[in-house]
Amino acid sequence: RYLRENEVSSKLAIRVQRQAKARFGDDGKIARADVGAFQLLSESLQKQLHREVCEPKLVLHPFFRMMRNVDVSWFEDFLSTVVQIEVARGDDDIFFAGRTATSAAYLVCGTVSYMQEP
């Protein structure tokens, strides 16, 4: 209804509807932000959970493995203040042409296709 009321082109409306429909039925990974119960946990328990989820993935990279081994305190602080897990789904835009980067991405699984459309 929103698309019709705002006179969105048929071509775009079809793309929007397909993606929305696919995502409603998506059984893929769940993002931490999608689990409301995590907000009820104490800060220390949230940090512990975050570390247990992130650390195994980060230490696969030689730099992060070395930093954990050199300074565990720094590594724990890094995990709790800098590292975020983002769940991207098919057709999500991760990078945008012409925008200044504000973060870095470390791909843990899956593939990324880089395309620039005019």
N, C-alpha and C. Protein backbone atom coordinates (compact mmCIF):
# COMPACT_ATOMS: atom_id res chain seq x y z
N ARG A 1 0.83 -1.20 0.00
CA ARG A 1 0.00 0.00 0.00
C ARG A 1 0.88 1.26 0.00
N TYR A 2 1.91 1.28 0.86
CA TYR A 2 2.81 2.44 0.94
C TYR A 2 3.41 2.74 -0.43
N LEU A 3 3.82 1.71 -1.14
CA LEU A 3 4.46 1.89 -2.45
C LEU A 3 3.48 2.52 -3.45
N ARG A 4 2.25 2.04 -3.42
CA ARG A 4 1.22 2.58 -4.32
C ARG A 4 0.89 4.02 -3.99
N GLU A 5 0.70 4.28 -2.69
CA GLU A 5 0.33 5.64 -2.26
C GLU A 5 1.41 6.66 -2.61
N ASN A 6 2.65 6.22 -2.65
CA ASN A 6 3.75 7.13 -2.92
C ASN A 6 4.25 7.03 -4.35
N GLU A 7 3.45 6.37 -5.19
CA GLU A 7 3.70 6.28 -6.63
C GLU A 7 5.10 5.78 -6.97
N VAL A 8 5.52 4.74 -6.24
CA VAL A 8 6.81 4.11 -6.52
C VAL A 8 6.68 3.33 -7.82
N SER A 9 7.70 3.40 -8.67
CA SER A 9 7.65 2.71 -9.96
C SER A 9 7.44 1.21 -9.77
N SER A 10 6.80 0.59 -10.73
CA SER A 10 6.52 -0.85 -10.66
C SER A 10 7.81 -1.66 -10.52
N LYS A 11 8.82 -1.25 -11.26
CA LYS A 11 10.09 -1.97 -11.25
C LYS A 11 10.71 -1.98 -9.84
N LEU A 12 10.73 -0.83 -9.19
CA LEU A 12 11.29 -0.74 -7.84
C LEU A 12 10.37 -1.41 -6.83
N ALA A 13 9.08 -1.25 -6.99
CA ALA A 13 8.12 -1.86 -6.07
C ALA A 13 8.27 -3.37 -6.05
N ILE A 14 8.47 -3.97 -7.20
CA ILE A 14 8.65 -5.42 -7.28
C ILE A 14 9.91 -5.84 -6.53
N ARG A 15 11.01 -5.10 -6.70
CA ARG A 15 12.26 -5.41 -5.99
C ARG A 15 12.08 -5.30 -4.49
N VAL A 16 11.41 -4.24 -4.05
CA VAL A 16 11.16 -4.01 -2.62
C VAL A 16 10.32 -5.15 -2.05
N GLN A 17 9.26 -5.51 -2.73
CA GLN A 17 8.37 -6.57 -2.25
C GLN A 17 9.08 -7.92 -2.19
N ARG A 18 9.88 -8.22 -3.20
CA ARG A 18 10.62 -9.50 -3.21
C ARG A 18 11.59 -9.59 -2.05
N GLN A 19 12.34 -8.51 -1.83
CA GLN A 19 13.33 -8.54 -0.75
C GLN A 19 12.64 -8.62 0.62
N ALA A 20 11.58 -7.86 0.81
CA ALA A 20 10.85 -7.90 2.09
C ALA A 20 10.27 -9.29 2.34
N LYS A 21 9.70 -9.88 1.32
CA LYS A 21 9.11 -11.22 1.45
C LYS A 21 10.18 -12.24 1.79
N ALA A 22 11.32 -12.16 1.13
CA ALA A 22 12.42 -13.10 1.38
C ALA A 22 12.94 -12.96 2.80
N ARG A 23 13.01 -11.74 3.29
CA ARG A 23 13.58 -11.51 4.63
C ARG A 23 12.61 -11.89 5.74
N PHE A 24 11.33 -11.80 5.49
CA PHE A 24 10.37 -12.24 6.50
C PHE A 24 10.50 -13.73 6.75
N GLY A 25 10.81 -14.48 5.72
CA GLY A 25 10.94 -15.94 5.86
C GLY A 25 12.38 -16.39 6.04
N ASP A 26 13.29 -15.46 6.24
CA ASP A 26 14.71 -15.78 6.35
C ASP A 26 15.01 -16.49 7.67
N ASP A 27 15.65 -17.65 7.57
CA ASP A 27 16.07 -18.38 8.77
C ASP A 27 17.57 -18.24 8.98
N GLY A 28 18.16 -17.19 8.43
CA GLY A 28 19.60 -16.97 8.54
C GLY A 28 20.01 -16.57 9.95
N LYS A 29 21.24 -16.12 10.07
CA LYS A 29 21.77 -15.72 11.37
C LYS A 29 20.96 -14.58 11.98
N ILE A 30 20.87 -14.61 13.29
CA ILE A 30 20.15 -13.57 14.02
C ILE A 30 21.16 -12.58 14.58
N ALA A 31 20.90 -11.32 14.38
CA ALA A 31 21.77 -10.27 14.91
C ALA A 31 21.49 -10.10 16.40
N ARG A 32 22.51 -9.74 17.16
CA ARG A 32 22.38 -9.53 18.60
C ARG A 32 21.27 -8.51 18.90
N ALA A 33 21.19 -7.48 18.10
CA ALA A 33 20.19 -6.43 18.30
C ALA A 33 18.76 -6.95 18.17
N ASP A 34 18.60 -8.10 17.49
CA ASP A 34 17.28 -8.68 17.30
C ASP A 34 16.82 -9.51 18.49
N VAL A 35 17.69 -9.68 19.48
CA VAL A 35 17.34 -10.48 20.66
C VAL A 35 17.16 -9.52 21.84
N GLY A 36 15.94 -9.12 22.07
CA GLY A 36 15.64 -8.13 23.10
C GLY A 36 16.08 -8.53 24.50
N ALA A 37 16.10 -9.82 24.80
CA ALA A 37 16.47 -10.29 26.14
C ALA A 37 17.89 -9.89 26.51
N PHE A 38 18.77 -9.71 25.53
CA PHE A 38 20.16 -9.34 25.84
C PHE A 38 20.23 -7.99 26.55
N GLN A 39 19.28 -7.11 26.26
CA GLN A 39 19.27 -5.79 26.90
C GLN A 39 18.97 -5.89 28.40
N LEU A 40 18.39 -7.00 28.82
CA LEU A 40 18.04 -7.20 30.23
C LEU A 40 19.22 -7.71 31.06
N LEU A 41 20.27 -8.18 30.39
CA LEU A 41 21.43 -8.75 31.09
C LEU A 41 22.29 -7.64 31.70
N SER A 42 23.01 -8.00 32.75
CA SER A 42 23.95 -7.05 33.34
C SER A 42 25.03 -6.72 32.32
N GLU A 43 25.67 -5.57 32.49
CA GLU A 43 26.72 -5.15 31.57
C GLU A 43 27.86 -6.16 31.53
N SER A 44 28.25 -6.68 32.70
CA SER A 44 29.37 -7.64 32.73
C SER A 44 29.01 -8.93 32.00
N LEU A 45 27.76 -9.39 32.14
CA LEU A 45 27.35 -10.60 31.44
C LEU A 45 27.25 -10.35 29.93
N GLN A 46 26.80 -9.16 29.54
CA GLN A 46 26.76 -8.82 28.12
C GLN A 46 28.17 -8.82 27.53
N LYS A 47 29.14 -8.26 28.25
CA LYS A 47 30.52 -8.23 27.77
C LYS A 47 31.09 -9.63 27.65
N GLN A 48 30.79 -10.48 28.64
CA GLN A 48 31.28 -11.86 28.61
C GLN A 48 30.69 -12.60 27.41
N LEU A 49 29.42 -12.42 27.16
CA LEU A 49 28.76 -13.04 26.02
C LEU A 49 29.36 -12.53 24.71
N HIS A 50 29.55 -11.22 24.62
CA HIS A 50 30.13 -10.60 23.43
C HIS A 50 31.53 -11.17 23.16
N ARG A 51 32.31 -11.28 24.20
CA ARG A 51 33.67 -11.81 24.04
C ARG A 51 33.63 -13.26 23.55
N GLU A 52 32.77 -14.07 24.15
CA GLU A 52 32.72 -15.47 23.76
C GLU A 52 32.26 -15.65 22.32
N VAL A 53 31.43 -14.75 21.84
CA VAL A 53 30.96 -14.82 20.46
C VAL A 53 32.03 -14.30 19.50
N CYS A 54 32.68 -13.19 19.84
CA CYS A 54 33.62 -12.52 18.93
C CYS A 54 35.03 -13.10 18.90
N GLU A 55 35.54 -13.44 20.06
CA GLU A 55 36.96 -13.83 20.13
C GLU A 55 37.34 -14.97 19.19
N PRO A 56 36.59 -16.07 19.14
CA PRO A 56 37.00 -17.17 18.24
C PRO A 56 37.10 -16.75 16.78
N LYS A 57 36.26 -15.80 16.38
CA LYS A 57 36.29 -15.35 14.99
C LYS A 57 37.47 -14.40 14.74
N LEU A 58 37.71 -13.51 15.68
CA LEU A 58 38.80 -12.54 15.51
C LEU A 58 40.17 -13.18 15.54
N VAL A 59 40.38 -14.15 16.42
CA VAL A 59 41.73 -14.73 16.55
C VAL A 59 42.10 -15.61 15.36
N LEU A 60 41.19 -15.81 14.44
CA LEU A 60 41.55 -16.48 13.20
C LEU A 60 42.49 -15.61 12.36
N HIS A 61 42.42 -14.30 12.59
CA HIS A 61 43.29 -13.36 11.89
C HIS A 61 44.59 -13.23 12.69
N PRO A 62 45.75 -13.37 12.03
CA PRO A 62 47.04 -13.36 12.75
C PRO A 62 47.27 -12.10 13.59
N PHE A 63 46.84 -10.93 13.11
CA PHE A 63 47.06 -9.70 13.88
C PHE A 63 46.31 -9.74 15.21
N PHE A 64 45.04 -10.09 15.15
CA PHE A 64 44.24 -10.12 16.38
C PHE A 64 44.69 -11.23 17.33
N ARG A 65 45.11 -12.36 16.77
CA ARG A 65 45.64 -13.45 17.60
C ARG A 65 46.89 -12.97 18.34
N MET A 66 47.77 -12.26 17.62
CA MET A 66 48.99 -11.74 18.24
C MET A 66 48.65 -10.73 19.33
N MET A 67 47.71 -9.83 19.05
CA MET A 67 47.36 -8.81 20.03
C MET A 67 46.75 -9.43 21.29
N ARG A 68 45.96 -10.46 21.13
CA ARG A 68 45.41 -11.14 22.31
C ARG A 68 46.53 -11.77 23.13
N ASN A 69 47.50 -12.37 22.44
CA ASN A 69 48.61 -13.02 23.14
C ASN A 69 49.55 -12.01 23.80
N VAL A 70 49.70 -10.83 23.19
CA VAL A 70 50.61 -9.81 23.72
C VAL A 70 49.99 -9.06 24.89
N ASP A 71 48.70 -8.72 24.77
CA ASP A 71 48.08 -7.90 25.80
C ASP A 71 46.59 -8.26 25.93
N VAL A 72 46.30 -9.19 26.81
CA VAL A 72 44.93 -9.67 26.99
C VAL A 72 44.00 -8.53 27.43
N SER A 73 44.48 -7.65 28.27
CA SER A 73 43.67 -6.54 28.75
C SER A 73 43.27 -5.62 27.59
N TRP A 74 44.23 -5.28 26.73
CA TRP A 74 43.94 -4.46 25.55
C TRP A 74 42.92 -5.16 24.67
N PHE A 75 43.11 -6.45 24.46
CA PHE A 75 42.23 -7.22 23.58
C PHE A 75 40.80 -7.23 24.12
N GLU A 76 40.64 -7.43 25.41
CA GLU A 76 39.31 -7.44 26.01
C GLU A 76 38.64 -6.07 25.88
N ASP A 77 39.42 -5.02 26.09
CA ASP A 77 38.90 -3.66 25.94
C ASP A 77 38.51 -3.40 24.49
N PHE A 78 39.34 -3.84 23.56
CA PHE A 78 39.07 -3.71 22.13
C PHE A 78 37.76 -4.40 21.77
N LEU A 79 37.58 -5.62 22.27
CA LEU A 79 36.36 -6.36 21.99
C LEU A 79 35.12 -5.63 22.50
N SER A 80 35.21 -5.11 23.72
CA SER A 80 34.02 -4.52 24.32
C SER A 80 33.71 -3.12 23.83
N THR A 81 34.69 -2.40 23.30
CA THR A 81 34.44 -1.02 22.88
C THR A 81 34.43 -0.79 21.37
N VAL A 82 35.05 -1.68 20.63
CA VAL A 82 35.21 -1.44 19.19
C VAL A 82 34.49 -2.46 18.31
N VAL A 83 34.57 -3.72 18.67
CA VAL A 83 34.09 -4.79 17.80
C VAL A 83 32.57 -4.92 17.86
N GLN A 84 31.97 -4.95 16.69
CA GLN A 84 30.54 -5.18 16.55
C GLN A 84 30.34 -6.28 15.52
N ILE A 85 29.36 -7.10 15.74
CA ILE A 85 29.02 -8.12 14.76
C ILE A 85 27.84 -7.60 13.96
N GLU A 86 27.99 -7.59 12.67
CA GLU A 86 26.92 -7.17 11.77
C GLU A 86 26.51 -8.39 10.95
N VAL A 87 25.23 -8.60 10.84
CA VAL A 87 24.71 -9.70 10.03
C VAL A 87 24.18 -9.08 8.75
N ALA A 88 24.82 -9.39 7.65
CA ALA A 88 24.38 -8.89 6.34
C ALA A 88 23.66 -10.01 5.60
N ARG A 89 22.63 -9.65 4.92
CA ARG A 89 21.87 -10.62 4.14
C ARG A 89 22.04 -10.28 2.65
N GLY A 90 21.63 -11.20 1.81
CA GLY A 90 21.74 -10.98 0.38
C GLY A 90 21.16 -9.64 -0.03
N ASP A 91 21.82 -8.97 -0.91
CA ASP A 91 21.42 -7.67 -1.44
C ASP A 91 21.59 -6.51 -0.46
N ASP A 92 22.18 -6.76 0.71
CA ASP A 92 22.48 -5.64 1.62
C ASP A 92 23.64 -4.84 1.06
N ASP A 93 23.58 -3.54 1.23
CA ASP A 93 24.68 -2.67 0.84
C ASP A 93 25.59 -2.50 2.05
N ILE A 94 26.86 -2.81 1.85
CA ILE A 94 27.84 -2.72 2.94
C ILE A 94 28.73 -1.50 2.74
N PHE A 95 29.06 -1.22 1.50
CA PHE A 95 29.90 -0.08 1.15
C PHE A 95 29.13 0.82 0.19
N PHE A 96 29.42 2.11 0.24
CA PHE A 96 28.74 3.05 -0.63
C PHE A 96 29.76 3.93 -1.34
N ALA A 97 29.66 4.00 -2.66
CA ALA A 97 30.57 4.80 -3.46
C ALA A 97 30.47 6.27 -3.05
N GLY A 98 31.61 6.90 -2.89
CA GLY A 98 31.65 8.32 -2.58
C GLY A 98 31.54 8.66 -1.11
N ARG A 99 31.25 7.69 -0.26
CA ARG A 99 31.15 7.94 1.18
C ARG A 99 32.49 7.68 1.86
N THR A 100 32.81 8.51 2.82
CA THR A 100 34.02 8.30 3.61
C THR A 100 33.78 7.13 4.55
N ALA A 101 34.73 6.23 4.62
CA ALA A 101 34.61 5.07 5.49
C ALA A 101 34.67 5.50 6.95
N THR A 102 33.81 4.92 7.77
CA THR A 102 33.79 5.22 9.20
C THR A 102 34.11 3.98 10.02
N SER A 103 34.30 2.84 9.34
CA SER A 103 34.61 1.61 10.04
C SER A 103 35.29 0.65 9.07
N ALA A 104 35.75 -0.46 9.62
CA ALA A 104 36.36 -1.51 8.81
C ALA A 104 35.51 -2.77 8.95
N ALA A 105 35.56 -3.62 7.96
CA ALA A 105 34.80 -4.86 8.01
C ALA A 105 35.75 -6.04 7.93
N TYR A 106 35.47 -7.05 8.71
CA TYR A 106 36.24 -8.30 8.70
C TYR A 106 35.24 -9.40 8.43
N LEU A 107 35.27 -9.94 7.23
CA LEU A 107 34.31 -10.95 6.81
C LEU A 107 34.64 -12.29 7.46
N VAL A 108 33.69 -12.84 8.19
CA VAL A 108 33.91 -14.10 8.89
C VAL A 108 33.43 -15.28 8.05
N CYS A 109 32.31 -15.12 7.38
CA CYS A 109 31.84 -16.20 6.51
C CYS A 109 31.02 -15.60 5.37
N GLY A 110 30.91 -16.36 4.30
CA GLY A 110 30.16 -15.89 3.15
C GLY A 110 31.05 -15.21 2.13
N THR A 111 30.42 -14.56 1.19
CA THR A 111 31.14 -13.86 0.14
C THR A 111 30.55 -12.47 -0.05
N VAL A 112 31.35 -11.60 -0.61
CA VAL A 112 30.91 -10.24 -0.89
C VAL A 112 31.19 -9.96 -2.36
N SER A 113 30.23 -9.36 -3.03
CA SER A 113 30.42 -8.92 -4.41
C SER A 113 30.48 -7.41 -4.41
N TYR A 114 31.52 -6.87 -5.03
CA TYR A 114 31.66 -5.43 -5.14
C TYR A 114 31.14 -4.99 -6.50
N MET A 115 30.15 -4.12 -6.49
CA MET A 115 29.59 -3.61 -7.73
C MET A 115 29.32 -2.14 -7.55
N GLN A 116 29.54 -1.39 -8.61
CA GLN A 116 29.18 0.02 -8.58
C GLN A 116 28.23 0.28 -9.72
N GLU A 117 27.04 0.72 -9.37
CA GLU A 117 26.04 1.04 -10.38
C GLU A 117 26.06 2.54 -10.59
N PRO A 118 25.90 2.97 -11.84
CA PRO A 118 25.96 4.41 -12.13
C PRO A 118 24.94 5.22 -11.36
